[in-house]
PDB file of all heavy atoms in Angstrom:
ATOM      1  N   SER A   1       2.436  -5.782   8.661  1.00  0.00           N
ATOM      2  CA  SER A   1       2.286  -4.587   7.838  1.00  0.00           C
ATOM      3  C   SER A   1       3.636  -3.917   7.581  1.00  0.00           C
ATOM      4  O   SER A   1       3.878  -3.390   6.492  1.00  0.00           O
ATOM      5  CB  SER A   1       1.305  -3.603   8.472  1.00  0.00           C
ATOM      6  OG  SER A   1       1.761  -3.184   9.730  1.00  0.00           O
ATOM      7  N   ARG A   2       4.529  -3.953   8.557  1.00  0.00           N
ATOM      8  CA  ARG A   2       5.862  -3.365   8.369  1.00  0.00           C
ATOM      9  C   ARG A   2       6.645  -4.147   7.324  1.00  0.00           C
ATOM     10  O   ARG A   2       7.327  -3.572   6.474  1.00  0.00           O
ATOM     11  CB  ARG A   2       6.616  -3.330   9.687  1.00  0.00           C
ATOM     12  CG  ARG A   2       7.933  -2.546   9.566  1.00  0.00           C
ATOM     13  CD  ARG A   2       8.646  -2.460  10.876  1.00  0.00           C
ATOM     14  NE  ARG A   2       9.300  -3.758  11.089  1.00  0.00           N
ATOM     15  CZ  ARG A   2       9.766  -4.184  12.236  1.00  0.00           C
ATOM     16  NH1 ARG A   2       9.632  -3.446  13.312  1.00  0.00           N
ATOM     17  NH2 ARG A   2      10.345  -5.347  12.337  1.00  0.00           N
ATOM     18  N   PHE A   3       6.543  -5.465   7.366  1.00  0.00           N
ATOM     19  CA  PHE A   3       7.248  -6.295   6.391  1.00  0.00           C
ATOM     20  C   PHE A   3       6.714  -6.045   4.977  1.00  0.00           C
ATOM     21  O   PHE A   3       7.490  -5.888   4.029  1.00  0.00           O
ATOM     22  CB  PHE A   3       7.119  -7.779   6.751  1.00  0.00           C
ATOM     23  CG  PHE A   3       7.845  -8.669   5.795  1.00  0.00           C
ATOM     24  CD1 PHE A   3       9.219  -8.812   5.880  1.00  0.00           C
ATOM     25  CD2 PHE A   3       7.162  -9.335   4.792  1.00  0.00           C
ATOM     26  CE1 PHE A   3       9.905  -9.618   4.976  1.00  0.00           C
ATOM     27  CE2 PHE A   3       7.833 -10.141   3.890  1.00  0.00           C
ATOM     28  CZ  PHE A   3       9.204 -10.289   3.984  1.00  0.00           C
ATOM     29  N   ILE A   4       5.407  -6.024   4.846  1.00  0.00           N
ATOM     30  CA  ILE A   4       4.799  -5.803   3.526  1.00  0.00           C
ATOM     31  C   ILE A   4       5.172  -4.421   2.992  1.00  0.00           C
ATOM     32  O   ILE A   4       5.502  -4.260   1.822  1.00  0.00           O
ATOM     33  CB  ILE A   4       3.274  -5.996   3.598  1.00  0.00           C
ATOM     34  CG1 ILE A   4       2.958  -7.476   3.869  1.00  0.00           C
ATOM     35  CG2 ILE A   4       2.599  -5.526   2.306  1.00  0.00           C
ATOM     36  CD1 ILE A   4       1.531  -7.751   4.246  1.00  0.00           C
ATOM     37  N   ARG A   5       5.136  -3.421   3.860  1.00  0.00           N
ATOM     38  CA  ARG A   5       5.511  -2.071   3.444  1.00  0.00           C
ATOM     39  C   ARG A   5       6.968  -2.043   2.984  1.00  0.00           C
ATOM     40  O   ARG A   5       7.306  -1.432   1.974  1.00  0.00           O
ATOM     41  CB  ARG A   5       5.317  -1.082   4.587  1.00  0.00           C
ATOM     42  CG  ARG A   5       5.571   0.354   4.158  1.00  0.00           C
ATOM     43  CD  ARG A   5       6.017   1.218   5.330  1.00  0.00           C
ATOM     44  NE  ARG A   5       6.218   2.581   4.946  1.00  0.00           N
ATOM     45  CZ  ARG A   5       7.341   3.054   4.403  1.00  0.00           C
ATOM     46  NH1 ARG A   5       8.345   2.245   4.151  1.00  0.00           N
ATOM     47  NH2 ARG A   5       7.451   4.332   4.087  1.00  0.00           N
ATOM     48  N   GLY A   6       7.837  -2.708   3.712  1.00  0.00           N
ATOM     49  CA  GLY A   6       9.240  -2.775   3.329  1.00  0.00           C
ATOM     50  C   GLY A   6       9.439  -3.484   2.000  1.00  0.00           C
ATOM     51  O   GLY A   6      10.288  -3.084   1.189  1.00  0.00           O
ATOM     52  N   PHE A   7       8.657  -4.524   1.765  1.00  0.00           N
ATOM     53  CA  PHE A   7       8.722  -5.264   0.503  1.00  0.00           C
ATOM     54  C   PHE A   7       8.322  -4.358  -0.655  1.00  0.00           C
ATOM     55  O   PHE A   7       8.989  -4.320  -1.687  1.00  0.00           O
ATOM     56  CB  PHE A   7       7.822  -6.493   0.599  1.00  0.00           C
ATOM     57  CG  PHE A   7       8.072  -7.530  -0.451  1.00  0.00           C
ATOM     58  CD1 PHE A   7       9.248  -8.262  -0.442  1.00  0.00           C
ATOM     59  CD2 PHE A   7       7.130  -7.787  -1.423  1.00  0.00           C
ATOM     60  CE1 PHE A   7       9.485  -9.229  -1.408  1.00  0.00           C
ATOM     61  CE2 PHE A   7       7.358  -8.753  -2.389  1.00  0.00           C
ATOM     62  CZ  PHE A   7       8.538  -9.474  -2.382  1.00  0.00           C
ATOM     63  N   PHE A   8       7.238  -3.606  -0.474  1.00  0.00           N
ATOM     64  CA  PHE A   8       6.783  -2.666  -1.500  1.00  0.00           C
ATOM     65  C   PHE A   8       7.827  -1.575  -1.718  1.00  0.00           C
ATOM     66  O   PHE A   8       8.110  -1.206  -2.858  1.00  0.00           O
ATOM     67  CB  PHE A   8       5.443  -2.030  -1.104  1.00  0.00           C
ATOM     68  CG  PHE A   8       4.243  -2.800  -1.567  1.00  0.00           C
ATOM     69  CD1 PHE A   8       3.839  -3.950  -0.913  1.00  0.00           C
ATOM     70  CD2 PHE A   8       3.503  -2.372  -2.647  1.00  0.00           C
ATOM     71  CE1 PHE A   8       2.733  -4.661  -1.326  1.00  0.00           C
ATOM     72  CE2 PHE A   8       2.395  -3.077  -3.078  1.00  0.00           C
ATOM     73  CZ  PHE A   8       1.998  -4.224  -2.421  1.00  0.00           C
ATOM     74  N   ASN A   9       8.382  -1.046  -0.644  1.00  0.00           N
ATOM     75  CA  ASN A   9       9.374   0.022  -0.760  1.00  0.00           C
ATOM     76  C   ASN A   9      10.596  -0.453  -1.542  1.00  0.00           C
ATOM     77  O   ASN A   9      11.086   0.250  -2.426  1.00  0.00           O
ATOM     78  CB  ASN A   9       9.780   0.524   0.624  1.00  0.00           C
ATOM     79  CG  ASN A   9      10.682   1.730   0.543  1.00  0.00           C
ATOM     80  OD1 ASN A   9      10.451   2.639  -0.251  1.00  0.00           O
ATOM     81  ND2 ASN A   9      11.706   1.752   1.362  1.00  0.00           N
ATOM     82  N   THR A  10      11.069  -1.642  -1.233  1.00  0.00           N
ATOM     83  CA  THR A  10      12.223  -2.196  -1.942  1.00  0.00           C
ATOM     84  C   THR A  10      11.910  -2.369  -3.423  1.00  0.00           C
ATOM     85  O   THR A  10      12.729  -2.035  -4.286  1.00  0.00           O
ATOM     86  CB  THR A  10      12.640  -3.546  -1.328  1.00  0.00           C
ATOM     87  OG1 THR A  10      12.938  -3.343   0.053  1.00  0.00           O
ATOM     88  CG2 THR A  10      13.833  -4.139  -2.041  1.00  0.00           C
ATOM     89  N   TYR A  11      10.722  -2.855  -3.720  1.00  0.00           N
ATOM     90  CA  TYR A  11      10.310  -3.023  -5.115  1.00  0.00           C
ATOM     91  C   TYR A  11      10.295  -1.680  -5.843  1.00  0.00           C
ATOM     92  O   TYR A  11      10.871  -1.541  -6.932  1.00  0.00           O
ATOM     93  CB  TYR A  11       8.937  -3.688  -5.191  1.00  0.00           C
ATOM     94  CG  TYR A  11       8.296  -3.528  -6.548  1.00  0.00           C
ATOM     95  CD1 TYR A  11       8.815  -4.193  -7.657  1.00  0.00           C
ATOM     96  CD2 TYR A  11       7.200  -2.702  -6.724  1.00  0.00           C
ATOM     97  CE1 TYR A  11       8.239  -4.033  -8.902  1.00  0.00           C
ATOM     98  CE2 TYR A  11       6.626  -2.548  -7.963  1.00  0.00           C
ATOM     99  CZ  TYR A  11       7.150  -3.205  -9.049  1.00  0.00           C
ATOM    100  OH  TYR A  11       6.587  -3.042 -10.293  1.00  0.00           O
ATOM    101  N   TYR A  12       9.642  -0.693  -5.255  1.00  0.00           N
ATOM    102  CA  TYR A  12       9.543   0.606  -5.915  1.00  0.00           C
ATOM    103  C   TYR A  12      10.927   1.223  -6.118  1.00  0.00           C
ATOM    104  O   TYR A  12      11.208   1.779  -7.189  1.00  0.00           O
ATOM    105  CB  TYR A  12       8.648   1.561  -5.125  1.00  0.00           C
ATOM    106  CG  TYR A  12       7.186   1.193  -5.179  1.00  0.00           C
ATOM    107  CD1 TYR A  12       6.412   1.190  -4.034  1.00  0.00           C
ATOM    108  CD2 TYR A  12       6.572   0.857  -6.377  1.00  0.00           C
ATOM    109  CE1 TYR A  12       5.066   0.850  -4.073  1.00  0.00           C
ATOM    110  CE2 TYR A  12       5.230   0.520  -6.428  1.00  0.00           C
ATOM    111  CZ  TYR A  12       4.479   0.516  -5.281  1.00  0.00           C
ATOM    112  OH  TYR A  12       3.152   0.195  -5.335  1.00  0.00           O
ATOM    113  N   LEU A  13      11.794   1.149  -5.124  1.00  0.00           N
ATOM    114  CA  LEU A  13      13.138   1.709  -5.271  1.00  0.00           C
ATOM    115  C   LEU A  13      13.916   1.012  -6.381  1.00  0.00           C
ATOM    116  O   LEU A  13      14.633   1.659  -7.154  1.00  0.00           O
ATOM    117  CB  LEU A  13      13.906   1.617  -3.951  1.00  0.00           C
ATOM    118  CG  LEU A  13      13.453   2.582  -2.864  1.00  0.00           C
ATOM    119  CD1 LEU A  13      14.195   2.301  -1.557  1.00  0.00           C
ATOM    120  CD2 LEU A  13      13.646   4.022  -3.295  1.00  0.00           C
ATOM    121  N   THR A  14      13.775  -0.295  -6.467  1.00  0.00           N
ATOM    122  CA  THR A  14      14.479  -1.035  -7.514  1.00  0.00           C
ATOM    123  C   THR A  14      13.991  -0.623  -8.899  1.00  0.00           C
ATOM    124  O   THR A  14      14.791  -0.404  -9.806  1.00  0.00           O
ATOM    125  CB  THR A  14      14.304  -2.555  -7.314  1.00  0.00           C
ATOM    126  OG1 THR A  14      14.697  -2.897  -5.987  1.00  0.00           O
ATOM    127  CG2 THR A  14      15.134  -3.340  -8.300  1.00  0.00           C
ATOM    128  N   VAL A  15      12.677  -0.504  -9.062  1.00  0.00           N
ATOM    129  CA  VAL A  15      12.128  -0.079 -10.358  1.00  0.00           C
ATOM    130  C   VAL A  15      12.549   1.358 -10.662  1.00  0.00           C
ATOM    131  O   VAL A  15      12.898   1.681 -11.803  1.00  0.00           O
ATOM    132  CB  VAL A  15      10.592  -0.222 -10.378  1.00  0.00           C
ATOM    133  CG1 VAL A  15       9.995   0.416 -11.624  1.00  0.00           C
ATOM    134  CG2 VAL A  15      10.200  -1.686 -10.314  1.00  0.00           C
ATOM    135  N   ILE A  16      12.541   2.209  -9.649  1.00  0.00           N
ATOM    136  CA  ILE A  16      12.920   3.613  -9.847  1.00  0.00           C
ATOM    137  C   ILE A  16      14.364   3.738 -10.322  1.00  0.00           C
ATOM    138  O   ILE A  16      14.695   4.649 -11.084  1.00  0.00           O
ATOM    139  CB  ILE A  16      12.670   4.415  -8.545  1.00  0.00           C
ATOM    140  CG1 ILE A  16      11.168   4.613  -8.350  1.00  0.00           C
ATOM    141  CG2 ILE A  16      13.405   5.737  -8.552  1.00  0.00           C
ATOM    142  CD1 ILE A  16      10.777   5.132  -6.982  1.00  0.00           C
ATOM    143  N   PHE A  17      15.220   2.806  -9.923  1.00  0.00           N
ATOM    144  CA  PHE A  17      16.611   2.873 -10.353  1.00  0.00           C
ATOM    145  C   PHE A  17      16.895   2.080 -11.629  1.00  0.00           C
ATOM    146  O   PHE A  17      17.794   2.444 -12.388  1.00  0.00           O
ATOM    147  CB  PHE A  17      17.549   2.416  -9.231  1.00  0.00           C
ATOM    148  CG  PHE A  17      17.639   3.416  -8.118  1.00  0.00           C
ATOM    149  CD1 PHE A  17      17.087   3.141  -6.884  1.00  0.00           C
ATOM    150  CD2 PHE A  17      18.235   4.641  -8.314  1.00  0.00           C
ATOM    151  CE1 PHE A  17      17.144   4.069  -5.854  1.00  0.00           C
ATOM    152  CE2 PHE A  17      18.305   5.580  -7.299  1.00  0.00           C
ATOM    153  CZ  PHE A  17      17.757   5.295  -6.059  1.00  0.00           C
ATOM    154  N   THR A  18      16.160   1.006 -11.894  1.00  0.00           N
ATOM    155  CA  THR A  18      16.476   0.194 -13.076  1.00  0.00           C
ATOM    156  C   THR A  18      15.737   0.641 -14.333  1.00  0.00           C
ATOM    157  O   THR A  18      16.298   0.556 -15.425  1.00  0.00           O
ATOM    158  CB  THR A  18      16.176  -1.297 -12.820  1.00  0.00           C
ATOM    159  OG1 THR A  18      14.811  -1.456 -12.435  1.00  0.00           O
ATOM    160  CG2 THR A  18      17.093  -1.877 -11.768  1.00  0.00           C
ATOM    161  N   ALA A  19      14.510   1.100 -14.208  1.00  0.00           N
ATOM    162  CA  ALA A  19      13.731   1.486 -15.391  1.00  0.00           C
ATOM    163  C   ALA A  19      14.360   2.645 -16.163  1.00  0.00           C
ATOM    164  O   ALA A  19      14.446   2.577 -17.400  1.00  0.00           O
ATOM    165  CB  ALA A  19      12.288   1.799 -15.005  1.00  0.00           C
ATOM    166  N   PRO A  20      14.811   3.720 -15.506  1.00  0.00           N
ATOM    167  CA  PRO A  20      15.413   4.807 -16.290  1.00  0.00           C
ATOM    168  C   PRO A  20      16.704   4.396 -17.002  1.00  0.00           C
ATOM    169  O   PRO A  20      16.968   4.860 -18.111  1.00  0.00           O
ATOM    170  CB  PRO A  20      15.707   5.901 -15.270  1.00  0.00           C
ATOM    171  CG  PRO A  20      14.961   5.558 -14.061  1.00  0.00           C
ATOM    172  CD  PRO A  20      14.696   4.092 -14.097  1.00  0.00           C
ATOM    173  N   VAL A  21      17.480   3.527 -16.371  1.00  0.00           N
ATOM    174  CA  VAL A  21      18.717   3.064 -17.012  1.00  0.00           C
ATOM    175  C   VAL A  21      18.377   2.313 -18.292  1.00  0.00           C
ATOM    176  O   VAL A  21      18.974   2.547 -19.356  1.00  0.00           O
ATOM    177  CB  VAL A  21      19.541   2.181 -16.045  1.00  0.00           C
ATOM    178  CG1 VAL A  21      20.717   1.538 -16.756  1.00  0.00           C
ATOM    179  CG2 VAL A  21      20.006   2.993 -14.851  1.00  0.00           C
ATOM    180  N   ALA A  22      17.405   1.420 -18.215  1.00  0.00           N
ATOM    181  CA  ALA A  22      16.980   0.684 -19.408  1.00  0.00           C
ATOM    182  C   ALA A  22      16.377   1.642 -20.435  1.00  0.00           C
ATOM    183  O   ALA A  22      16.632   1.512 -21.640  1.00  0.00           O
ATOM    184  CB  ALA A  22      15.986  -0.400 -19.027  1.00  0.00           C
ATOM    185  N   ALA A  23      15.589   2.611 -19.981  1.00  0.00           N
ATOM    186  CA  ALA A  23      14.952   3.560 -20.896  1.00  0.00           C
ATOM    187  C   ALA A  23      15.997   4.377 -21.653  1.00  0.00           C
ATOM    188  O   ALA A  23      15.886   4.579 -22.864  1.00  0.00           O
ATOM    189  CB  ALA A  23      14.017   4.482 -20.124  1.00  0.00           C
ATOM    190  N   ILE A  24      17.015   4.821 -20.942  1.00  0.00           N
ATOM    191  CA  ILE A  24      18.073   5.604 -21.593  1.00  0.00           C
ATOM    192  C   ILE A  24      18.805   4.749 -22.620  1.00  0.00           C
ATOM    193  O   ILE A  24      19.135   5.226 -23.715  1.00  0.00           O
ATOM    194  CB  ILE A  24      19.039   6.181 -20.539  1.00  0.00           C
ATOM    195  CG1 ILE A  24      18.321   7.277 -19.734  1.00  0.00           C
ATOM    196  CG2 ILE A  24      20.308   6.723 -21.190  1.00  0.00           C
ATOM    197  CD1 ILE A  24      19.052   7.716 -18.480  1.00  0.00           C
ATOM    198  N   SER A  25      19.025   3.480 -22.289  1.00  0.00           N
ATOM    199  CA  SER A  25      19.720   2.611 -23.247  1.00  0.00           C
ATOM    200  C   SER A  25      18.879   2.400 -24.506  1.00  0.00           C
ATOM    201  O   SER A  25      19.417   2.355 -25.613  1.00  0.00           O
ATOM    202  CB  SER A  25      20.092   1.276 -22.605  1.00  0.00           C
ATOM    203  OG  SER A  25      18.947   0.503 -22.361  1.00  0.00           O
ATOM    204  N   TYR A  26      17.559   2.278 -24.349  1.00  0.00           N
ATOM    205  CA  TYR A  26      16.697   2.147 -25.527  1.00  0.00           C
ATOM    206  C   TYR A  26      16.671   3.440 -26.324  1.00  0.00           C
ATOM    207  O   TYR A  26      16.660   3.414 -27.561  1.00  0.00           O
ATOM    208  CB  TYR A  26      15.278   1.747 -25.129  1.00  0.00           C
ATOM    209  CG  TYR A  26      15.138   0.275 -24.877  1.00  0.00           C
ATOM    210  CD1 TYR A  26      15.107  -0.231 -23.593  1.00  0.00           C
ATOM    211  CD2 TYR A  26      15.054  -0.630 -25.932  1.00  0.00           C
ATOM    212  CE1 TYR A  26      14.998  -1.589 -23.358  1.00  0.00           C
ATOM    213  CE2 TYR A  26      14.950  -1.991 -25.713  1.00  0.00           C
ATOM    214  CZ  TYR A  26      14.919  -2.462 -24.421  1.00  0.00           C
ATOM    215  OH  TYR A  26      14.815  -3.803 -24.192  1.00  0.00           O
ATOM    216  N   ALA A  27      16.664   4.571 -25.654  1.00  0.00           N
ATOM    217  CA  ALA A  27      16.686   5.855 -26.356  1.00  0.00           C
ATOM    218  C   ALA A  27      17.978   6.003 -27.159  1.00  0.00           C
ATOM    219  O   ALA A  27      17.957   6.468 -28.312  1.00  0.00           O
ATOM    220  CB  ALA A  27      16.533   6.996 -25.364  1.00  0.00           C
ATOM    221  N   MET A  28      19.083   5.605 -26.564  1.00  0.00           N
ATOM    222  CA  MET A  28      20.370   5.689 -27.268  1.00  0.00           C
ATOM    223  C   MET A  28      20.430   4.721 -28.446  1.00  0.00           C
ATOM    224  O   MET A  28      21.145   4.967 -29.417  1.00  0.00           O
ATOM    225  CB  MET A  28      21.512   5.435 -26.293  1.00  0.00           C
ATOM    226  CG  MET A  28      21.686   6.580 -25.316  1.00  0.00           C
ATOM    227  SD  MET A  28      22.878   6.304 -23.982  1.00  0.00           S
ATOM    228  CE  MET A  28      24.277   5.629 -24.801  1.00  0.00           C
ATOM    229  N   ALA A  29      19.663   3.629 -28.375  1.00  0.00           N
ATOM    230  CA  ALA A  29      19.631   2.660 -29.469  1.00  0.00           C
ATOM    231  C   ALA A  29      18.595   3.037 -30.532  1.00  0.00           C
ATOM    232  O   ALA A  29      18.408   2.315 -31.508  1.00  0.00           O
ATOM    233  CB  ALA A  29      19.326   1.270 -28.926  1.00  0.00           C
ATOM    234  N   GLY A  30      17.909   4.160 -30.324  1.00  0.00           N
ATOM    235  CA  GLY A  30      16.933   4.613 -31.309  1.00  0.00           C
ATOM    236  C   GLY A  30      15.545   4.023 -31.151  1.00  0.00           C
ATOM    237  O   GLY A  30      14.691   4.202 -32.007  1.00  0.00           O
ATOM    238  N   ARG A  31      15.298   3.344 -30.071  1.00  0.00           N
ATOM    239  CA  ARG A  31      13.977   2.755 -29.793  1.00  0.00           C
ATOM    240  C   ARG A  31      13.207   3.691 -28.855  1.00  0.00           C
ATOM    241  O   ARG A  31      13.039   3.416 -27.673  1.00  0.00           O
ATOM    242  CB  ARG A  31      14.123   1.387 -29.143  1.00  0.00           C
ATOM    243  CG  ARG A  31      14.885   0.382 -29.945  1.00  0.00           C
ATOM    244  CD  ARG A  31      14.000  -0.147 -31.046  1.00  0.00           C
ATOM    245  NE  ARG A  31      14.675  -1.176 -31.796  1.00  0.00           N
ATOM    246  CZ  ARG A  31      14.101  -2.289 -32.175  1.00  0.00           C
ATOM    247  NH1 ARG A  31      12.847  -2.516 -31.873  1.00  0.00           N
ATOM    248  NH2 ARG A  31      14.773  -3.158 -32.888  1.00  0.00           N
ATOM    249  N   LEU A  32      12.757   4.808 -29.403  1.00  0.00           N
ATOM    250  CA  LEU A  32      12.154   5.854 -28.576  1.00  0.00           C
ATOM    251  C   LEU A  32      10.820   5.440 -27.968  1.00  0.00           C
ATOM    252  O   LEU A  32      10.511   5.817 -26.841  1.00  0.00           O
ATOM    253  CB  LEU A  32      12.008   7.134 -29.395  1.00  0.00           C
ATOM    254  CG  LEU A  32      13.325   7.748 -29.859  1.00  0.00           C
ATOM    255  CD1 LEU A  32      13.080   9.014 -30.654  1.00  0.00           C
ATOM    256  CD2 LEU A  32      14.242   8.019 -28.689  1.00  0.00           C
ATOM    257  N   VAL A  33      10.016   4.678 -28.691  1.00  0.00           N
ATOM    258  CA  VAL A  33       8.725   4.251 -28.157  1.00  0.00           C
ATOM    259  C   VAL A  33       8.932   3.401 -26.910  1.00  0.00           C
ATOM    260  O   VAL A  33       8.258   3.590 -25.891  1.00  0.00           O
ATOM    261  CB  VAL A  33       7.906   3.479 -29.220  1.00  0.00           C
ATOM    262  CG1 VAL A  33       6.648   2.870 -28.613  1.00  0.00           C
ATOM    263  CG2 VAL A  33       7.560   4.389 -30.388  1.00  0.00           C
ATOM    264  N   TYR A  34       9.874   2.491 -26.994  1.00  0.00           N
ATOM    265  CA  TYR A  34      10.134   1.635 -25.851  1.00  0.00           C
ATOM    266  C   TYR A  34      10.738   2.422 -24.699  1.00  0.00           C
ATOM    267  O   TYR A  34      10.422   2.174 -23.536  1.00  0.00           O
ATOM    268  CB  TYR A  34      11.045   0.472 -26.261  1.00  0.00           C
ATOM    269  CG  TYR A  34      10.869  -0.721 -25.372  1.00  0.00           C
ATOM    270  CD1 TYR A  34       9.677  -1.427 -25.380  1.00  0.00           C
ATOM    271  CD2 TYR A  34      11.863  -1.113 -24.500  1.00  0.00           C
ATOM    272  CE1 TYR A  34       9.495  -2.515 -24.544  1.00  0.00           C
ATOM    273  CE2 TYR A  34      11.687  -2.195 -23.663  1.00  0.00           C
ATOM    274  CZ  TYR A  34      10.502  -2.891 -23.700  1.00  0.00           C
ATOM    275  OH  TYR A  34      10.324  -3.953 -22.861  1.00  0.00           O
ATOM    276  N   ALA A  35      11.579   3.410 -25.024  1.00  0.00           N
ATOM    277  CA  ALA A  35      12.162   4.261 -23.983  1.00  0.00           C
ATOM    278  C   ALA A  35      11.064   5.019 -23.247  1.00  0.00           C
ATOM    279  O   ALA A  35      11.079   5.107 -22.011  1.00  0.00           O
ATOM    280  CB  ALA A  35      13.165   5.231 -24.603  1.00  0.00           C
ATOM    281  N   VAL A  36      10.104   5.540 -23.993  1.00  0.00           N
ATOM    282  CA  VAL A  36       8.988   6.269 -23.369  1.00  0.00           C
ATOM    283  C   VAL A  36       8.175   5.333 -22.478  1.00  0.00           C
ATOM    284  O   VAL A  36       7.771   5.709 -21.369  1.00  0.00           O
ATOM    285  CB  VAL A  36       8.099   6.930 -24.451  1.00  0.00           C
ATOM    286  CG1 VAL A  36       6.801   7.439 -23.865  1.00  0.00           C
ATOM    287  CG2 VAL A  36       8.859   8.054 -25.143  1.00  0.00           C
TER     288      VAL A  36
END
């Protein structure tokens, strides 16, 4: 259970840091729907 929890935590942290960066880049490129 500790390993699985750690796996989930790592996944969520990675998405939390990569998704906004990609979203901002799409917003700057004028692709607002995709940014949202």
